[in-house]
Amino acid sequence: MSGYVAVAAVLGAGVLLVTAAMLVRRLLAPRAPHAAKLATYESGVDPVGEGWAQTKVRYFVFSFLYVVFAVDAVYLFPWATVIRDADLGRASLVEVGIFIGVIVLGLAHAGRRGLLRWV
């Protein structure tokens, strides 16, 4: 039970510190709201028109490719650093083969949809 008490104590201390910080900010921070401070500000451009705009699905494609390459790097580099360990054996090699197969499948899907062209 002592482990649960320690976790509860850390969570309680975290909640207490966040609450105290928000209270101190509320008491000490200057307040001077006016129209210029309450206006929407985005990358130095004044807002023009309505707030609703369509976004292109192409951004989803870039995030898909990023995830494919980032996950590849995150899992392959640590595996490559410990590959010399004798305990890993064939099971590790099979697991990484399956992993690389999934990555290749994702890249094949991206290539089939024409996402890897430099156009």
PDB file of N, CA and C in Angstrom:
ATOM      1  N   MET A   1       0.812  -1.202   0.000  1.00  0.00           N
ATOM      2  CA  MET A   1       0.000   0.000   0.000  1.00  0.00           C
ATOM      3  C   MET A   1       0.855   1.266   0.000  1.00  0.00           C
ATOM      4  N   SER A   2       2.105   1.163   0.427  1.00  0.00           N
ATOM      5  CA  SER A   2       2.940   2.362   0.521  1.00  0.00           C
ATOM      6  C   SER A   2       3.205   2.963  -0.865  1.00  0.00           C
ATOM      7  N   GLY A   3       3.233   2.132  -1.901  1.00  0.00           N
ATOM      8  CA  GLY A   3       3.408   2.655  -3.256  1.00  0.00           C
ATOM      9  C   GLY A   3       2.252   3.530  -3.686  1.00  0.00           C
ATOM     10  N   TYR A   4       1.045   3.108  -3.353  1.00  0.00           N
ATOM     11  CA  TYR A   4      -0.145   3.902  -3.686  1.00  0.00           C
ATOM     12  C   TYR A   4      -0.169   5.208  -2.909  1.00  0.00           C
ATOM     13  N   VAL A   5       0.269   5.155  -1.673  1.00  0.00           N
ATOM     14  CA  VAL A   5       0.317   6.377  -0.854  1.00  0.00           C
ATOM     15  C   VAL A   5       1.311   7.359  -1.459  1.00  0.00           C
ATOM     16  N   ALA A   6       2.445   6.861  -1.932  1.00  0.00           N
ATOM     17  CA  ALA A   6       3.439   7.746  -2.541  1.00  0.00           C
ATOM     18  C   ALA A   6       2.891   8.376  -3.820  1.00  0.00           C
ATOM     19  N   VAL A   7       2.215   7.577  -4.630  1.00  0.00           N
ATOM     20  CA  VAL A   7       1.631   8.121  -5.865  1.00  0.00           C
ATOM     21  C   VAL A   7       0.561   9.155  -5.544  1.00  0.00           C
ATOM     22  N   ALA A   8      -0.290   8.851  -4.568  1.00  0.00           N
ATOM     23  CA  ALA A   8      -1.326   9.809  -4.161  1.00  0.00           C
ATOM     24  C   ALA A   8      -0.711  11.088  -3.618  1.00  0.00           C
ATOM     25  N   ALA A   9       0.385  10.970  -2.863  1.00  0.00           N
ATOM     26  CA  ALA A   9       1.048  12.154  -2.325  1.00  0.00           C
ATOM     27  C   ALA A   9       1.639  13.013  -3.445  1.00  0.00           C
ATOM     28  N   VAL A  10       2.247  12.378  -4.437  1.00  0.00           N
ATOM     29  CA  VAL A  10       2.822  13.128  -5.557  1.00  0.00           C
ATOM     30  C   VAL A  10       1.712  13.802  -6.361  1.00  0.00           C
ATOM     31  N   LEU A  11       0.621  13.087  -6.625  1.00  0.00           N
ATOM     32  CA  LEU A  11      -0.499  13.697  -7.342  1.00  0.00           C
ATOM     33  C   LEU A  11      -1.109  14.854  -6.553  1.00  0.00           C
ATOM     34  N   GLY A  12      -1.265  14.666  -5.257  1.00  0.00           N
ATOM     35  CA  GLY A  12      -1.798  15.734  -4.416  1.00  0.00           C
ATOM     36  C   GLY A  12      -0.886  16.952  -4.401  1.00  0.00           C
ATOM     37  N   ALA A  13       0.431  16.713  -4.307  1.00  0.00           N
ATOM     38  CA  ALA A  13       1.377  17.828  -4.333  1.00  0.00           C
ATOM     39  C   ALA A  13       1.330  18.542  -5.684  1.00  0.00           C
ATOM     40  N   GLY A  14       1.186  17.785  -6.766  1.00  0.00           N
ATOM     41  CA  GLY A  14       1.093  18.402  -8.087  1.00  0.00           C
ATOM     42  C   GLY A  14      -0.142  19.269  -8.222  1.00  0.00           C
ATOM     43  N   VAL A  15      -1.283  18.763  -7.774  1.00  0.00           N
ATOM     44  CA  VAL A  15      -2.526  19.544  -7.830  1.00  0.00           C
ATOM     45  C   VAL A  15      -2.409  20.783  -6.958  1.00  0.00           C
ATOM     46  N   LEU A  16      -1.819  20.641  -5.797  1.00  0.00           N
ATOM     47  CA  LEU A  16      -1.645  21.775  -4.883  1.00  0.00           C
ATOM     48  C   LEU A  16      -0.735  22.836  -5.502  1.00  0.00           C
ATOM     49  N   LEU A  17       0.369  22.415  -6.126  1.00  0.00           N
ATOM     50  CA  LEU A  17       1.283  23.381  -6.728  1.00  0.00           C
ATOM     51  C   LEU A  17       0.647  24.100  -7.921  1.00  0.00           C
ATOM     52  N   VAL A  18      -0.087  23.378  -8.748  1.00  0.00           N
ATOM     53  CA  VAL A  18      -0.750  24.017  -9.891  1.00  0.00           C
ATOM     54  C   VAL A  18      -1.800  25.004  -9.409  1.00  0.00           C
ATOM     55  N   THR A  19      -2.574  24.607  -8.417  1.00  0.00           N
ATOM     56  CA  THR A  19      -3.595  25.504  -7.872  1.00  0.00           C
ATOM     57  C   THR A  19      -2.961  26.743  -7.258  1.00  0.00           C
ATOM     58  N   ALA A  20      -1.879  26.571  -6.516  1.00  0.00           N
ATOM     59  CA  ALA A  20      -1.197  27.706  -5.904  1.00  0.00           C
ATOM     60  C   ALA A  20      -0.628  28.639  -6.971  1.00  0.00           C
ATOM     61  N   ALA A  21      -0.043  28.081  -8.030  1.00  0.00           N
ATOM     62  CA  ALA A  21       0.516  28.916  -9.090  1.00  0.00           C
ATOM     63  C   ALA A  21      -0.575  29.711  -9.796  1.00  0.00           C
ATOM     64  N   MET A  22      -1.721  29.087 -10.046  1.00  0.00           N
ATOM     65  CA  MET A  22      -2.816  29.809 -10.704  1.00  0.00           C
ATOM     66  C   MET A  22      -3.372  30.905  -9.797  1.00  0.00           C
ATOM     67  N   LEU A  23      -3.446  30.639  -8.509  1.00  0.00           N
ATOM     68  CA  LEU A  23      -3.934  31.641  -7.561  1.00  0.00           C
ATOM     69  C   LEU A  23      -2.980  32.823  -7.474  1.00  0.00           C
ATOM     70  N   VAL A  24      -1.689  32.555  -7.406  1.00  0.00           N
ATOM     71  CA  VAL A  24      -0.697  33.637  -7.335  1.00  0.00           C
ATOM     72  C   VAL A  24      -0.723  34.455  -8.622  1.00  0.00           C
ATOM     73  N   ARG A  25      -0.856  33.790  -9.776  1.00  0.00           N
ATOM     74  CA  ARG A  25      -0.946  34.526 -11.034  1.00  0.00           C
ATOM     75  C   ARG A  25      -2.164  35.429 -11.056  1.00  0.00           C
ATOM     76  N   ARG A  26      -3.279  34.920 -10.573  1.00  0.00           N
ATOM     77  CA  ARG A  26      -4.509  35.693 -10.554  1.00  0.00           C
ATOM     78  C   ARG A  26      -4.367  36.934  -9.659  1.00  0.00           C
ATOM     79  N   LEU A  27      -3.637  36.787  -8.559  1.00  0.00           N
ATOM     80  CA  LEU A  27      -3.480  37.905  -7.625  1.00  0.00           C
ATOM     81  C   LEU A  27      -2.448  38.921  -8.089  1.00  0.00           C
ATOM     82  N   LEU A  28      -1.363  38.476  -8.742  1.00  0.00           N
ATOM     83  CA  LEU A  28      -0.255  39.373  -9.044  1.00  0.00           C
ATOM     84  C   LEU A  28      -0.209  39.878 -10.485  1.00  0.00           C
ATOM     85  N   ALA A  29      -0.825  39.187 -11.408  1.00  0.00           N
ATOM     86  CA  ALA A  29      -0.728  39.580 -12.815  1.00  0.00           C
ATOM     87  C   ALA A  29      -1.508  40.858 -13.081  1.00  0.00           C
ATOM     88  N   PRO A  30      -0.925  41.762 -13.883  1.00  0.00           N
ATOM     89  CA  PRO A  30      -1.654  42.989 -14.219  1.00  0.00           C
ATOM     90  C   PRO A  30      -2.810  42.685 -15.166  1.00  0.00           C
ATOM     91  N   ARG A  31      -3.889  43.407 -14.982  1.00  0.00           N
ATOM     92  CA  ARG A  31      -5.066  43.241 -15.839  1.00  0.00           C
ATOM     93  C   ARG A  31      -5.402  44.567 -16.484  1.00  0.00           C
ATOM     94  N   ALA A  32      -5.296  44.621 -17.800  1.00  0.00           N
ATOM     95  CA  ALA A  32      -5.652  45.834 -18.549  1.00  0.00           C
ATOM     96  C   ALA A  32      -6.237  45.417 -19.894  1.00  0.00           C
ATOM     97  N   PRO A  33      -7.398  44.750 -19.903  1.00  0.00           N
ATOM     98  CA  PRO A  33      -7.958  44.304 -21.185  1.00  0.00           C
ATOM     99  C   PRO A  33      -8.541  45.479 -21.974  1.00  0.00           C
ATOM    100  N   HIS A  34      -8.233  45.528 -23.261  1.00  0.00           N
ATOM    101  CA  HIS A  34      -8.868  46.470 -24.163  1.00  0.00           C
ATOM    102  C   HIS A  34      -8.982  45.806 -25.531  1.00  0.00           C
ATOM    103  N   ALA A  35      -9.572  46.489 -26.495  1.00  0.00           N
ATOM    104  CA  ALA A  35      -9.924  45.872 -27.774  1.00  0.00           C
ATOM    105  C   ALA A  35      -8.717  45.274 -28.493  1.00  0.00           C
ATOM    106  N   ALA A  36      -7.563  45.944 -28.449  1.00  0.00           N
ATOM    107  CA  ALA A  36      -6.390  45.440 -29.164  1.00  0.00           C
ATOM    108  C   ALA A  36      -5.897  44.125 -28.561  1.00  0.00           C
ATOM    109  N   LYS A  37      -5.973  43.994 -27.239  1.00  0.00           N
ATOM    110  CA  LYS A  37      -5.519  42.765 -26.591  1.00  0.00           C
ATOM    111  C   LYS A  37      -6.496  41.616 -26.778  1.00  0.00           C
ATOM    112  N   LEU A  38      -7.759  41.918 -26.950  1.00  0.00           N
ATOM    113  CA  LEU A  38      -8.763  40.877 -27.090  1.00  0.00           C
ATOM    114  C   LEU A  38      -8.968  40.424 -28.531  1.00  0.00           C
ATOM    115  N   ALA A  39      -8.329  41.104 -29.500  1.00  0.00           N
ATOM    116  CA  ALA A  39      -8.479  40.742 -30.909  1.00  0.00           C
ATOM    117  C   ALA A  39      -7.669  39.475 -31.213  1.00  0.00           C
ATOM    118  N   THR A  40      -8.127  38.731 -32.201  1.00  0.00           N
ATOM    119  CA  THR A  40      -7.418  37.533 -32.631  1.00  0.00           C
ATOM    120  C   THR A  40      -6.129  37.930 -33.326  1.00  0.00           C
ATOM    121  N   TYR A  41      -5.049  37.218 -33.013  1.00  0.00           N
ATOM    122  CA  TYR A  41      -3.738  37.511 -33.598  1.00  0.00           C
ATOM    123  C   TYR A  41      -3.150  36.206 -34.096  1.00  0.00           C
ATOM    124  N   GLU A  42      -2.801  36.154 -35.370  1.00  0.00           N
ATOM    125  CA  GLU A  42      -2.263  34.926 -35.943  1.00  0.00           C
ATOM    126  C   GLU A  42      -1.070  35.259 -36.823  1.00  0.00           C
ATOM    127  N   SER A  43       0.104  34.956 -36.369  1.00  0.00           N
ATOM    128  CA  SER A  43       1.345  35.097 -37.145  1.00  0.00           C
ATOM    129  C   SER A  43       1.543  36.504 -37.678  1.00  0.00           C
ATOM    130  N   GLY A  44       1.151  37.503 -36.942  1.00  0.00           N
ATOM    131  CA  GLY A  44       1.367  38.882 -37.347  1.00  0.00           C
ATOM    132  C   GLY A  44       0.411  39.406 -38.390  1.00  0.00           C
ATOM    133  N   VAL A  45      -0.616  38.630 -38.716  1.00  0.00           N
ATOM    134  CA  VAL A  45      -1.575  39.045 -39.732  1.00  0.00           C
ATOM    135  C   VAL A  45      -2.887  39.388 -39.044  1.00  0.00           C
ATOM    136  N   ASP A  46      -3.416  40.558 -39.347  1.00  0.00           N
ATOM    137  CA  ASP A  46      -4.696  40.946 -38.774  1.00  0.00           C
ATOM    138  C   ASP A  46      -5.802  40.068 -39.354  1.00  0.00           C
ATOM    139  N   PRO A  47      -6.772  39.682 -38.539  1.00  0.00           N
ATOM    140  CA  PRO A  47      -7.851  38.832 -39.039  1.00  0.00           C
ATOM    141  C   PRO A  47      -8.730  39.588 -40.033  1.00  0.00           C
ATOM    142  N   VAL A  48      -9.029  38.919 -41.149  1.00  0.00           N
ATOM    143  CA  VAL A  48      -9.864  39.495 -42.189  1.00  0.00           C
ATOM    144  C   VAL A  48     -10.900  38.455 -42.576  1.00  0.00           C
ATOM    145  N   GLY A  49     -12.144  38.856 -42.678  1.00  0.00           N
ATOM    146  CA  GLY A  49     -13.194  37.941 -43.108  1.00  0.00           C
ATOM    147  C   GLY A  49     -13.708  37.091 -41.965  1.00  0.00           C
ATOM    148  N   GLU A  50     -14.295  35.946 -42.331  1.00  0.00           N
ATOM    149  CA  GLU A  50     -14.878  35.057 -41.336  1.00  0.00           C
ATOM    150  C   GLU A  50     -13.808  34.181 -40.703  1.00  0.00           C
ATOM    151  N   GLY A  51     -14.142  33.564 -39.604  1.00  0.00           N
ATOM    152  CA  GLY A  51     -13.202  32.698 -38.917  1.00  0.00           C
ATOM    153  C   GLY A  51     -13.191  31.276 -39.423  1.00  0.00           C
ATOM    154  N   TRP A  52     -14.077  30.929 -40.343  1.00  0.00           N
ATOM    155  CA  TRP A  52     -14.160  29.563 -40.836  1.00  0.00           C
ATOM    156  C   TRP A  52     -13.471  29.465 -42.182  1.00  0.00           C
ATOM    157  N   ALA A  53     -12.644  28.445 -42.359  1.00  0.00           N
ATOM    158  CA  ALA A  53     -11.989  28.216 -43.643  1.00  0.00           C
ATOM    159  C   ALA A  53     -11.747  26.726 -43.804  1.00  0.00           C
ATOM    160  N   GLN A  54     -11.823  26.255 -45.025  1.00  0.00           N
ATOM    161  CA  GLN A  54     -11.547  24.858 -45.279  1.00  0.00           C
ATOM    162  C   GLN A  54     -10.043  24.623 -45.297  1.00  0.00           C
ATOM    163  N   THR A  55      -9.647  23.464 -44.823  1.00  0.00           N
ATOM    164  CA  THR A  55      -8.253  23.087 -44.917  1.00  0.00           C
ATOM    165  C   THR A  55      -8.131  21.934 -45.896  1.00  0.00           C
ATOM    166  N   LYS A  56      -7.008  21.862 -46.525  1.00  0.00           N
ATOM    167  CA  LYS A  56      -6.804  20.817 -47.516  1.00  0.00           C
ATOM    168  C   LYS A  56      -6.425  19.514 -46.824  1.00  0.00           C
ATOM    169  N   VAL A  57      -6.820  18.425 -47.390  1.00  0.00           N
ATOM    170  CA  VAL A  57      -6.513  17.113 -46.845  1.00  0.00           C
ATOM    171  C   VAL A  57      -5.031  16.798 -47.046  1.00  0.00           C
ATOM    172  N   ARG A  58      -4.386  17.538 -47.897  1.00  0.00           N
ATOM    173  CA  ARG A  58      -2.969  17.286 -48.173  1.00  0.00           C
ATOM    174  C   ARG A  58      -2.120  17.399 -46.909  1.00  0.00           C
ATOM    175  N   TYR A  59      -2.518  18.204 -45.954  1.00  0.00           N
ATOM    176  CA  TYR A  59      -1.772  18.305 -44.704  1.00  0.00           C
ATOM    177  C   TYR A  59      -1.816  16.983 -43.950  1.00  0.00           C
ATOM    178  N   PHE A  60      -2.923  16.269 -44.060  1.00  0.00           N
ATOM    179  CA  PHE A  60      -3.015  14.948 -43.453  1.00  0.00           C
ATOM    180  C   PHE A  60      -2.000  14.003 -44.082  1.00  0.00           C
ATOM    181  N   VAL A  61      -1.784  14.148 -45.361  1.00  0.00           N
ATOM    182  CA  VAL A  61      -0.830  13.301 -46.064  1.00  0.00           C
ATOM    183  C   VAL A  61       0.581  13.551 -45.542  1.00  0.00           C
ATOM    184  N   PHE A  62       0.939  14.812 -45.354  1.00  0.00           N
ATOM    185  CA  PHE A  62       2.268  15.115 -44.821  1.00  0.00           C
ATOM    186  C   PHE A  62       2.431  14.561 -43.411  1.00  0.00           C
ATOM    187  N   SER A  63       1.390  14.649 -42.605  1.00  0.00           N
ATOM    188  CA  SER A  63       1.493  14.097 -41.258  1.00  0.00           C
ATOM    189  C   SER A  63       1.600  12.577 -41.300  1.00  0.00           C
ATOM    190  N   PHE A  64       0.917  11.951 -42.249  1.00  0.00           N
ATOM    191  CA  PHE A  64       1.019  10.496 -42.411  1.00  0.00           C
ATOM    192  C   PHE A  64       2.451  10.096 -42.747  1.00  0.00           C
ATOM    193  N   LEU A  65       3.064  10.790 -43.697  1.00  0.00           N
ATOM    194  CA  LEU A  65       4.440  10.468 -44.064  1.00  0.00           C
ATOM    195  C   LEU A  65       5.402  10.754 -42.921  1.00  0.00           C
ATOM    196  N   TYR A  66       5.173  11.821 -42.169  1.00  0.00           N
ATOM    197  CA  TYR A  66       6.023  12.121 -41.021  1.00  0.00           C
ATOM    198  C   TYR A  66       5.952  10.986 -40.003  1.00  0.00           C
ATOM    199  N   VAL A  67       4.756  10.519 -39.722  1.00  0.00           N
ATOM    200  CA  VAL A  67       4.607   9.441 -38.752  1.00  0.00           C
ATOM    201  C   VAL A  67       5.327   8.186 -39.235  1.00  0.00           C
ATOM    202  N   VAL A  68       5.215   7.884 -40.514  1.00  0.00           N
ATOM    203  CA  VAL A  68       5.894   6.697 -41.041  1.00  0.00           C
ATOM    204  C   VAL A  68       7.396   6.812 -40.830  1.00  0.00           C
ATOM    205  N   PHE A  69       7.989   7.949 -41.176  1.00  0.00           N
ATOM    206  CA  PHE A  69       9.436   8.085 -41.049  1.00  0.00           C
ATOM    207  C   PHE A  69       9.878   8.283 -39.606  1.00  0.00           C
ATOM    208  N   ALA A  70       9.111   8.996 -38.802  1.00  0.00           N
ATOM    209  CA  ALA A  70       9.487   9.222 -37.412  1.00  0.00           C
ATOM    210  C   ALA A  70       9.419   7.935 -36.607  1.00  0.00           C
ATOM    211  N   VAL A  71       8.371   7.163 -36.806  1.00  0.00           N
ATOM    212  CA  VAL A  71       8.253   5.896 -36.093  1.00  0.00           C
ATOM    213  C   VAL A  71       9.361   4.956 -36.528  1.00  0.00           C
ATOM    214  N   ASP A  72       9.691   4.992 -37.781  1.00  0.00           N
ATOM    215  CA  ASP A  72      10.790   4.184 -38.284  1.00  0.00           C
ATOM    216  C   ASP A  72      12.074   4.519 -37.533  1.00  0.00           C
ATOM    217  N   ALA A  73      12.395   5.794 -37.434  1.00  0.00           N
ATOM    218  CA  ALA A  73      13.623   6.204 -36.766  1.00  0.00           C
ATOM    219  C   ALA A  73      13.587   5.916 -35.277  1.00  0.00           C
ATOM    220  N   VAL A  74      12.457   6.157 -34.649  1.00  0.00           N
ATOM    221  CA  VAL A  74      12.356   5.983 -33.204  1.00  0.00           C
ATOM    222  C   VAL A  74      12.570   4.531 -32.796  1.00  0.00           C
ATOM    223  N   TYR A  75      12.117   3.595 -33.595  1.00  0.00           N
ATOM    224  CA  TYR A  75      12.242   2.193 -33.223  1.00  0.00           C
ATOM    225  C   TYR A  75      13.479   1.509 -33.789  1.00  0.00           C
ATOM    226  N   LEU A  76      13.962   1.934 -34.931  1.00  0.00           N
ATOM    227  CA  LEU A  76      15.102   1.237 -35.519  1.00  0.00           C
ATOM    228  C   LEU A  76      16.437   1.643 -34.897  1.00  0.00           C
ATOM    229  N   PHE A  77      16.619   2.899 -34.545  1.00  0.00           N
ATOM    230  CA  PHE A  77      17.899   3.311 -33.975  1.00  0.00           C
ATOM    231  C   PHE A  77      18.189   2.644 -32.635  1.00  0.00           C
ATOM    232  N   PRO A  78      17.255   2.614 -31.680  1.00  0.00           N
ATOM    233  CA  PRO A  78      17.552   1.889 -30.436  1.00  0.00           C
ATOM    234  C   PRO A  78      17.784   0.397 -30.666  1.00  0.00           C
ATOM    235  N   TRP A  79      17.032  -0.190 -31.577  1.00  0.00           N
ATOM    236  CA  TRP A  79      17.220  -1.610 -31.864  1.00  0.00           C
ATOM    237  C   TRP A  79      18.614  -1.842 -32.439  1.00  0.00           C
ATOM    238  N   ALA A  80      19.069  -0.933 -33.293  1.00  0.00           N
ATOM    239  CA  ALA A  80      20.386  -1.086 -33.910  1.00  0.00           C
ATOM    240  C   ALA A  80      21.508  -0.951 -32.881  1.00  0.00           C
ATOM    241  N   THR A  81      21.280  -0.205 -31.816  1.00  0.00           N
ATOM    242  CA  THR A  81      22.336  -0.046 -30.803  1.00  0.00           C
ATOM    243  C   THR A  81      22.480  -1.271 -29.916  1.00  0.00           C
ATOM    244  N   VAL A  82      21.447  -2.066 -29.778  1.00  0.00           N
ATOM    245  CA  VAL A  82      21.533  -3.239 -28.907  1.00  0.00           C
ATOM    246  C   VAL A  82      21.532  -4.549 -29.690  1.00  0.00           C
ATOM    247  N   ILE A  83      21.675  -4.495 -31.006  1.00  0.00           N
ATOM    248  CA  ILE A  83      21.606  -5.705 -31.830  1.00  0.00           C
ATOM    249  C   ILE A  83      22.742  -6.665 -31.517  1.00  0.00           C
ATOM    250  N   ARG A  84      23.845  -6.176 -30.979  1.00  0.00           N
ATOM    251  CA  ARG A  84      24.979  -7.042 -30.685  1.00  0.00           C
ATOM    252  C   ARG A  84      24.756  -7.909 -29.454  1.00  0.00           C
ATOM    253  N   ASP A  85      23.689  -7.654 -28.727  1.00  0.00           N
ATOM    254  CA  ASP A  85      23.388  -8.458 -27.550  1.00  0.00           C
ATOM    255  C   ASP A  85      23.019  -9.873 -27.984  1.00  0.00           C
ATOM    256  N   ALA A  86      23.638 -10.849 -27.375  1.00  0.00           N
ATOM    257  CA  ALA A  86      23.436 -12.246 -27.775  1.00  0.00           C
ATOM    258  C   ALA A  86      22.043 -12.754 -27.415  1.00  0.00           C
ATOM    259  N   ASP A  87      21.382 -12.133 -26.460  1.00  0.00           N
ATOM    260  CA  ASP A  87      20.068 -12.599 -26.014  1.00  0.00           C
ATOM    261  C   ASP A  87      18.946 -12.250 -26.986  1.00  0.00           C
ATOM    262  N   LEU A  88      19.188 -11.354 -27.899  1.00  0.00           N
ATOM    263  CA  LEU A  88      18.116 -10.931 -28.802  1.00  0.00           C
ATOM    264  C   LEU A  88      17.748 -12.029 -29.787  1.00  0.00           C
ATOM    265  N   GLY A  89      18.724 -12.581 -30.454  1.00  0.00           N
ATOM    266  CA  GLY A  89      18.519 -13.742 -31.300  1.00  0.00           C
ATOM    267  C   GLY A  89      17.546 -13.551 -32.451  1.00  0.00           C
ATOM    268  N   ARG A  90      16.968 -14.669 -32.869  1.00  0.00           N
ATOM    269  CA  ARG A  90      16.092 -14.682 -34.036  1.00  0.00           C
ATOM    270  C   ARG A  90      14.758 -13.993 -33.784  1.00  0.00           C
ATOM    271  N   ALA A  91      14.263 -14.074 -32.565  1.00  0.00           N
ATOM    272  CA  ALA A  91      12.972 -13.448 -32.270  1.00  0.00           C
ATOM    273  C   ALA A  91      13.019 -11.953 -32.542  1.00  0.00           C
ATOM    274  N   SER A  92      14.103 -11.319 -32.139  1.00  0.00           N
ATOM    275  CA  SER A  92      14.244  -9.889 -32.371  1.00  0.00           C
ATOM    276  C   SER A  92      14.340  -9.591 -33.855  1.00  0.00           C
ATOM    277  N   LEU A  93      15.052 -10.427 -34.575  1.00  0.00           N
ATOM    278  CA  LEU A  93      15.180 -10.227 -36.008  1.00  0.00           C
ATOM    279  C   LEU A  93      13.827 -10.366 -36.707  1.00  0.00           C
ATOM    280  N   VAL A  94      13.011 -11.318 -36.270  1.00  0.00           N
ATOM    281  CA  VAL A  94      11.673 -11.493 -36.838  1.00  0.00           C
ATOM    282  C   VAL A  94      10.792 -10.285 -36.515  1.00  0.00           C
ATOM    283  N   GLU A  95      10.866  -9.810 -35.274  1.00  0.00           N
ATOM    284  CA  GLU A  95      10.061  -8.646 -34.886  1.00  0.00           C
ATOM    285  C   GLU A  95      10.414  -7.422 -35.708  1.00  0.00           C
ATOM    286  N   VAL A  96      11.714  -7.175 -35.899  1.00  0.00           N
ATOM    287  CA  VAL A  96      12.122  -6.011 -36.689  1.00  0.00           C
ATOM    288  C   VAL A  96      11.756  -6.221 -38.152  1.00  0.00           C
ATOM    289  N   GLY A  97      11.805  -7.453 -38.633  1.00  0.00           N
ATOM    290  CA  GLY A  97      11.367  -7.721 -40.000  1.00  0.00           C
ATOM    291  C   GLY A  97       9.897  -7.391 -40.188  1.00  0.00           C
ATOM    292  N   ILE A  98       9.065  -7.754 -39.210  1.00  0.00           N
ATOM    293  CA  ILE A  98       7.632  -7.413 -39.269  1.00  0.00           C
ATOM    294  C   ILE A  98       7.450  -5.903 -39.215  1.00  0.00           C
ATOM    295  N   PHE A  99       8.213  -5.250 -38.359  1.00  0.00           N
ATOM    296  CA  PHE A  99       8.130  -3.794 -38.237  1.00  0.00           C
ATOM    297  C   PHE A  99       8.500  -3.124 -39.553  1.00  0.00           C
ATOM    298  N   ILE A 100       9.605  -3.531 -40.148  1.00  0.00           N
ATOM    299  CA  ILE A 100      10.017  -2.935 -41.412  1.00  0.00           C
ATOM    300  C   ILE A 100       8.990  -3.248 -42.501  1.00  0.00           C
ATOM    301  N   GLY A 101       8.384  -4.430 -42.440  1.00  0.00           N
ATOM    302  CA  GLY A 101       7.328  -4.754 -43.389  1.00  0.00           C
ATOM    303  C   GLY A 101       6.147  -3.797 -43.287  1.00  0.00           C
ATOM    304  N   VAL A 102       5.762  -3.449 -42.059  1.00  0.00           N
ATOM    305  CA  VAL A 102       4.661  -2.492 -41.866  1.00  0.00           C
ATOM    306  C   VAL A 102       5.053  -1.118 -42.394  1.00  0.00           C
ATOM    307  N   ILE A 103       6.299  -0.710 -42.149  1.00  0.00           N
ATOM    308  CA  ILE A 103       6.776   0.580 -42.661  1.00  0.00           C
ATOM    309  C   ILE A 103       6.762   0.576 -44.192  1.00  0.00           C
ATOM    310  N   VAL A 104       7.239  -0.509 -44.801  1.00  0.00           N
ATOM    311  CA  VAL A 104       7.243  -0.606 -46.263  1.00  0.00           C
ATOM    312  C   VAL A 104       5.817  -0.600 -46.798  1.00  0.00           C
ATOM    313  N   LEU A 105       4.908  -1.238 -46.081  1.00  0.00           N
ATOM    314  CA  LEU A 105       3.508  -1.218 -46.483  1.00  0.00           C
ATOM    315  C   LEU A 105       2.959   0.211 -46.467  1.00  0.00           C
ATOM    316  N   GLY A 106       3.298   0.979 -45.433  1.00  0.00           N
ATOM    317  CA  GLY A 106       2.872   2.383 -45.375  1.00  0.00           C
ATOM    318  C   GLY A 106       3.464   3.203 -46.497  1.00  0.00           C
ATOM    319  N   LEU A 107       4.739   2.982 -46.804  1.00  0.00           N
ATOM    320  CA  LEU A 107       5.365   3.711 -47.904  1.00  0.00           C
ATOM    321  C   LEU A 107       4.783   3.280 -49.250  1.00  0.00           C
ATOM    322  N   ALA A 108       4.470   2.008 -49.401  1.00  0.00           N
ATOM    323  CA  ALA A 108       3.846   1.553 -50.647  1.00  0.00           C
ATOM    324  C   ALA A 108       2.473   2.191 -50.819  1.00  0.00           C
ATOM    325  N   HIS A 109       1.727   2.305 -49.738  1.00  0.00           N
ATOM    326  CA  HIS A 109       0.421   2.967 -49.794  1.00  0.00           C
ATOM    327  C   HIS A 109       0.591   4.428 -50.203  1.00  0.00           C
ATOM    328  N   ALA A 110       1.579   5.102 -49.617  1.00  0.00           N
ATOM    329  CA  ALA A 110       1.823   6.499 -49.971  1.00  0.00           C
ATOM    330  C   ALA A 110       2.255   6.619 -51.423  1.00  0.00           C
ATOM    331  N   GLY A 111       3.099   5.704 -51.875  1.00  0.00           N
ATOM    332  CA  GLY A 111       3.541   5.740 -53.265  1.00  0.00           C
ATOM    333  C   GLY A 111       2.412   5.454 -54.237  1.00  0.00           C
ATOM    334  N   ARG A 112       1.526   4.514 -53.883  1.00  0.00           N
ATOM    335  CA  ARG A 112       0.395   4.189 -54.745  1.00  0.00           C
ATOM    336  C   ARG A 112      -0.552   5.380 -54.901  1.00  0.00           C
ATOM    337  N   ARG A 113      -0.673   6.168 -53.836  1.00  0.00           N
ATOM    338  CA  ARG A 113      -1.546   7.345 -53.910  1.00  0.00           C
ATOM    339  C   ARG A 113      -0.851   8.535 -54.543  1.00  0.00           C
ATOM    340  N   GLY A 114       0.420   8.381 -54.913  1.00  0.00           N
ATOM    341  CA  GLY A 114       1.150   9.471 -55.583  1.00  0.00           C
ATOM    342  C   GLY A 114       1.676  10.505 -54.620  1.00  0.00           C
ATOM    343  N   LEU A 115       1.898  10.140 -53.376  1.00  0.00           N
ATOM    344  CA  LEU A 115       2.317  11.111 -52.369  1.00  0.00           C
ATOM    345  C   LEU A 115       3.824  11.311 -52.330  1.00  0.00           C
ATOM    346  N   LEU A 116       4.560  10.466 -52.986  1.00  0.00           N
ATOM    347  CA  LEU A 116       6.017  10.553 -52.931  1.00  0.00           C
ATOM    348  C   LEU A 116       6.604  11.238 -54.164  1.00  0.00           C
ATOM    349  N   ARG A 117       5.759  11.817 -55.007  1.00  0.00           N
ATOM    350  CA  ARG A 117       6.241  12.527 -56.195  1.00  0.00           C
ATOM    351  C   ARG A 117       6.668  13.936 -55.817  1.00  0.00           C
ATOM    352  N   TRP A 118       7.702  14.438 -56.482  1.00  0.00           N
ATOM    353  CA  TRP A 118       8.183  15.811 -56.260  1.00  0.00           C
ATOM    354  C   TRP A 118       7.574  16.739 -57.290  1.00  0.00           C
ATOM    355  N   VAL A 119       6.275  16.895 -57.227  1.00  0.00           N
ATOM    356  CA  VAL A 119       5.582  17.754 -58.203  1.00  0.00           C
ATOM    357  C   VAL A 119       5.128  19.006 -57.534  1.00  0.00           C
TER     358      VAL A 119
END
